[in-house]
Amino acid sequence: MILKVWHTDLLQCPHSQNRMRVIAVIEQAGVIEKILRHKGLWCGTPWVAPSRAPPNAKLAQQEDSPYYASDPMPDYEKVFSD
């Protein structure tokens, strides 16, 4: 899949152009952090944006507004009639 999207074969050695093999996959976050810290590549935990209110809560606030009572989509073609 990566080859089709990025046109890069991750298993091809950039130096010798020989085929490489995957010999292990590390999935434990603590082990990954320890390796990256040892290599000086650890940037910390990723920043997570705070959650926002659901879209319906914002709509409910608009309905309480006095400006919501006016026509949200006035018919401008009929406003200036002779």
C-alpha atoms as a PDB file:
ATOM      1  CA  MET A   1       0.000   0.000   0.000  1.00  0.00           C
ATOM      2  CA  ILE A   2       2.785   2.454   0.900  1.00  0.00           C
ATOM      3  CA  LEU A   3       4.502   1.634  -2.386  1.00  0.00           C
ATOM      4  CA  LYS A   4       1.367   2.610  -4.330  1.00  0.00           C
ATOM      5  CA  VAL A   5       0.716   5.840  -2.421  1.00  0.00           C
ATOM      6  CA  TRP A   6       4.220   7.183  -1.713  1.00  0.00           C
ATOM      7  CA  HIS A   7       6.106   5.385  -4.524  1.00  0.00           C
ATOM      8  CA  THR A   8       8.622   4.244  -1.900  1.00  0.00           C
ATOM      9  CA  ASP A   9       9.503   0.690  -0.944  1.00  0.00           C
ATOM     10  CA  LEU A  10      10.238   0.761   2.786  1.00  0.00           C
ATOM     11  CA  LEU A  11      11.905  -2.637   2.633  1.00  0.00           C
ATOM     12  CA  GLN A  12      14.518  -1.559   0.082  1.00  0.00           C
ATOM     13  CA  CYS A  13      17.848  -0.560   1.620  1.00  0.00           C
ATOM     14  CA  PRO A  14      18.658   3.071   0.714  1.00  0.00           C
ATOM     15  CA  HIS A  15      22.402   2.282   0.584  1.00  0.00           C
ATOM     16  CA  SER A  16      22.747  -1.101  -1.127  1.00  0.00           C
ATOM     17  CA  GLN A  17      19.276  -1.286  -2.776  1.00  0.00           C
ATOM     18  CA  ASN A  18      18.966  -4.852  -1.406  1.00  0.00           C
ATOM     19  CA  ARG A  19      15.717  -6.200   0.031  1.00  0.00           C
ATOM     20  CA  MET A  20      15.390  -5.988   3.838  1.00  0.00           C
ATOM     21  CA  ARG A  21      13.207  -8.089   6.164  1.00  0.00           C
ATOM     22  CA  VAL A  22      11.077  -7.164   9.179  1.00  0.00           C
ATOM     23  CA  ILE A  23      12.459  -9.136  12.123  1.00  0.00           C
ATOM     24  CA  ALA A  24      10.428  -7.568  14.969  1.00  0.00           C
ATOM     25  CA  VAL A  25       7.516  -5.261  15.648  1.00  0.00           C
ATOM     26  CA  ILE A  26       7.468  -3.273  18.880  1.00  0.00           C
ATOM     27  CA  GLU A  27       3.986  -2.345  20.100  1.00  0.00           C
ATOM     28  CA  GLN A  28       4.556  -1.511  23.794  1.00  0.00           C
ATOM     29  CA  ALA A  29       4.578   2.259  24.265  1.00  0.00           C
ATOM     30  CA  GLY A  30       7.040   2.084  27.162  1.00  0.00           C
ATOM     31  CA  VAL A  31       9.599   0.147  25.124  1.00  0.00           C
ATOM     32  CA  ILE A  32       9.243   2.514  22.163  1.00  0.00           C
ATOM     33  CA  GLU A  33       9.719   5.515  24.463  1.00  0.00           C
ATOM     34  CA  LYS A  34      12.830   3.962  26.044  1.00  0.00           C
ATOM     35  CA  ILE A  35      14.414   3.298  22.631  1.00  0.00           C
ATOM     36  CA  LEU A  36      13.634   6.785  21.321  1.00  0.00           C
ATOM     37  CA  ARG A  37      14.929   8.429  24.516  1.00  0.00           C
ATOM     38  CA  HIS A  38      18.176   6.456  24.195  1.00  0.00           C
ATOM     39  CA  LYS A  39      18.566   7.628  20.581  1.00  0.00           C
ATOM     40  CA  GLY A  40      17.703  11.236  21.528  1.00  0.00           C
ATOM     41  CA  LEU A  41      14.606  11.212  19.325  1.00  0.00           C
ATOM     42  CA  TRP A  42      11.861  11.337  21.984  1.00  0.00           C
ATOM     43  CA  CYS A  43       9.609  14.394  21.638  1.00  0.00           C
ATOM     44  CA  GLY A  44       7.232  13.572  24.477  1.00  0.00           C
ATOM     45  CA  THR A  45       3.637  12.538  24.322  1.00  0.00           C
ATOM     46  CA  PRO A  46       1.625  14.052  21.480  1.00  0.00           C
ATOM     47  CA  TRP A  47      -0.533  17.054  22.289  1.00  0.00           C
ATOM     48  CA  VAL A  48      -4.257  16.287  22.324  1.00  0.00           C
ATOM     49  CA  ALA A  49      -6.693  19.082  21.576  1.00  0.00           C
ATOM     50  CA  PRO A  50      -9.395  19.665  24.192  1.00  0.00           C
ATOM     51  CA  SER A  51     -12.796  18.316  23.342  1.00  0.00           C
ATOM     52  CA  ARG A  52     -15.506  20.667  22.143  1.00  0.00           C
ATOM     53  CA  ALA A  53     -19.220  20.792  22.756  1.00  0.00           C
ATOM     54  CA  PRO A  54     -21.455  18.765  20.448  1.00  0.00           C
ATOM     55  CA  PRO A  55     -22.874  20.661  17.449  1.00  0.00           C
ATOM     56  CA  ASN A  56     -26.419  20.549  18.871  1.00  0.00           C
ATOM     57  CA  ALA A  57     -25.357  22.511  21.976  1.00  0.00           C
ATOM     58  CA  LYS A  58     -24.270  25.431  19.792  1.00  0.00           C
ATOM     59  CA  LEU A  59     -27.595  25.361  17.940  1.00  0.00           C
ATOM     60  CA  ALA A  60     -29.492  25.435  21.238  1.00  0.00           C
ATOM     61  CA  GLN A  61     -27.571  28.564  22.256  1.00  0.00           C
ATOM     62  CA  GLN A  62     -28.529  30.263  18.980  1.00  0.00           C
ATOM     63  CA  GLU A  63     -32.222  29.535  19.510  1.00  0.00           C
ATOM     64  CA  ASP A  64     -32.075  31.401  22.830  1.00  0.00           C
ATOM     65  CA  SER A  65     -30.560  34.426  21.116  1.00  0.00           C
ATOM     66  CA  PRO A  66     -32.941  37.301  20.237  1.00  0.00           C
ATOM     67  CA  TYR A  67     -31.328  37.492  16.795  1.00  0.00           C
ATOM     68  CA  TYR A  68     -32.387  33.947  15.976  1.00  0.00           C
ATOM     69  CA  ALA A  69     -36.055  35.015  15.887  1.00  0.00           C
ATOM     70  CA  SER A  70     -35.459  37.095  12.763  1.00  0.00           C
ATOM     71  CA  ASP A  71     -35.557  35.349   9.423  1.00  0.00           C
ATOM     72  CA  PRO A  72     -32.143  33.673   8.976  1.00  0.00           C
ATOM     73  CA  MET A  73     -32.504  33.649   5.185  1.00  0.00           C
ATOM     74  CA  PRO A  74     -34.483  36.744   4.131  1.00  0.00           C
ATOM     75  CA  ASP A  75     -35.691  36.952   0.578  1.00  0.00           C
ATOM     76  CA  TYR A  76     -33.672  39.916  -0.656  1.00  0.00           C
ATOM     77  CA  GLU A  77     -35.246  39.857  -4.108  1.00  0.00           C
ATOM     78  CA  LYS A  78     -38.634  40.859  -2.704  1.00  0.00           C
ATOM     79  CA  VAL A  79     -37.339  43.512  -0.273  1.00  0.00           C
ATOM     80  CA  PHE A  80     -36.938  46.199  -2.923  1.00  0.00           C
ATOM     81  CA  SER A  81     -40.125  45.894  -4.927  1.00  0.00           C
ATOM     82  CA  ASP A  82     -41.883  48.753  -6.716  1.00  0.00           C
END
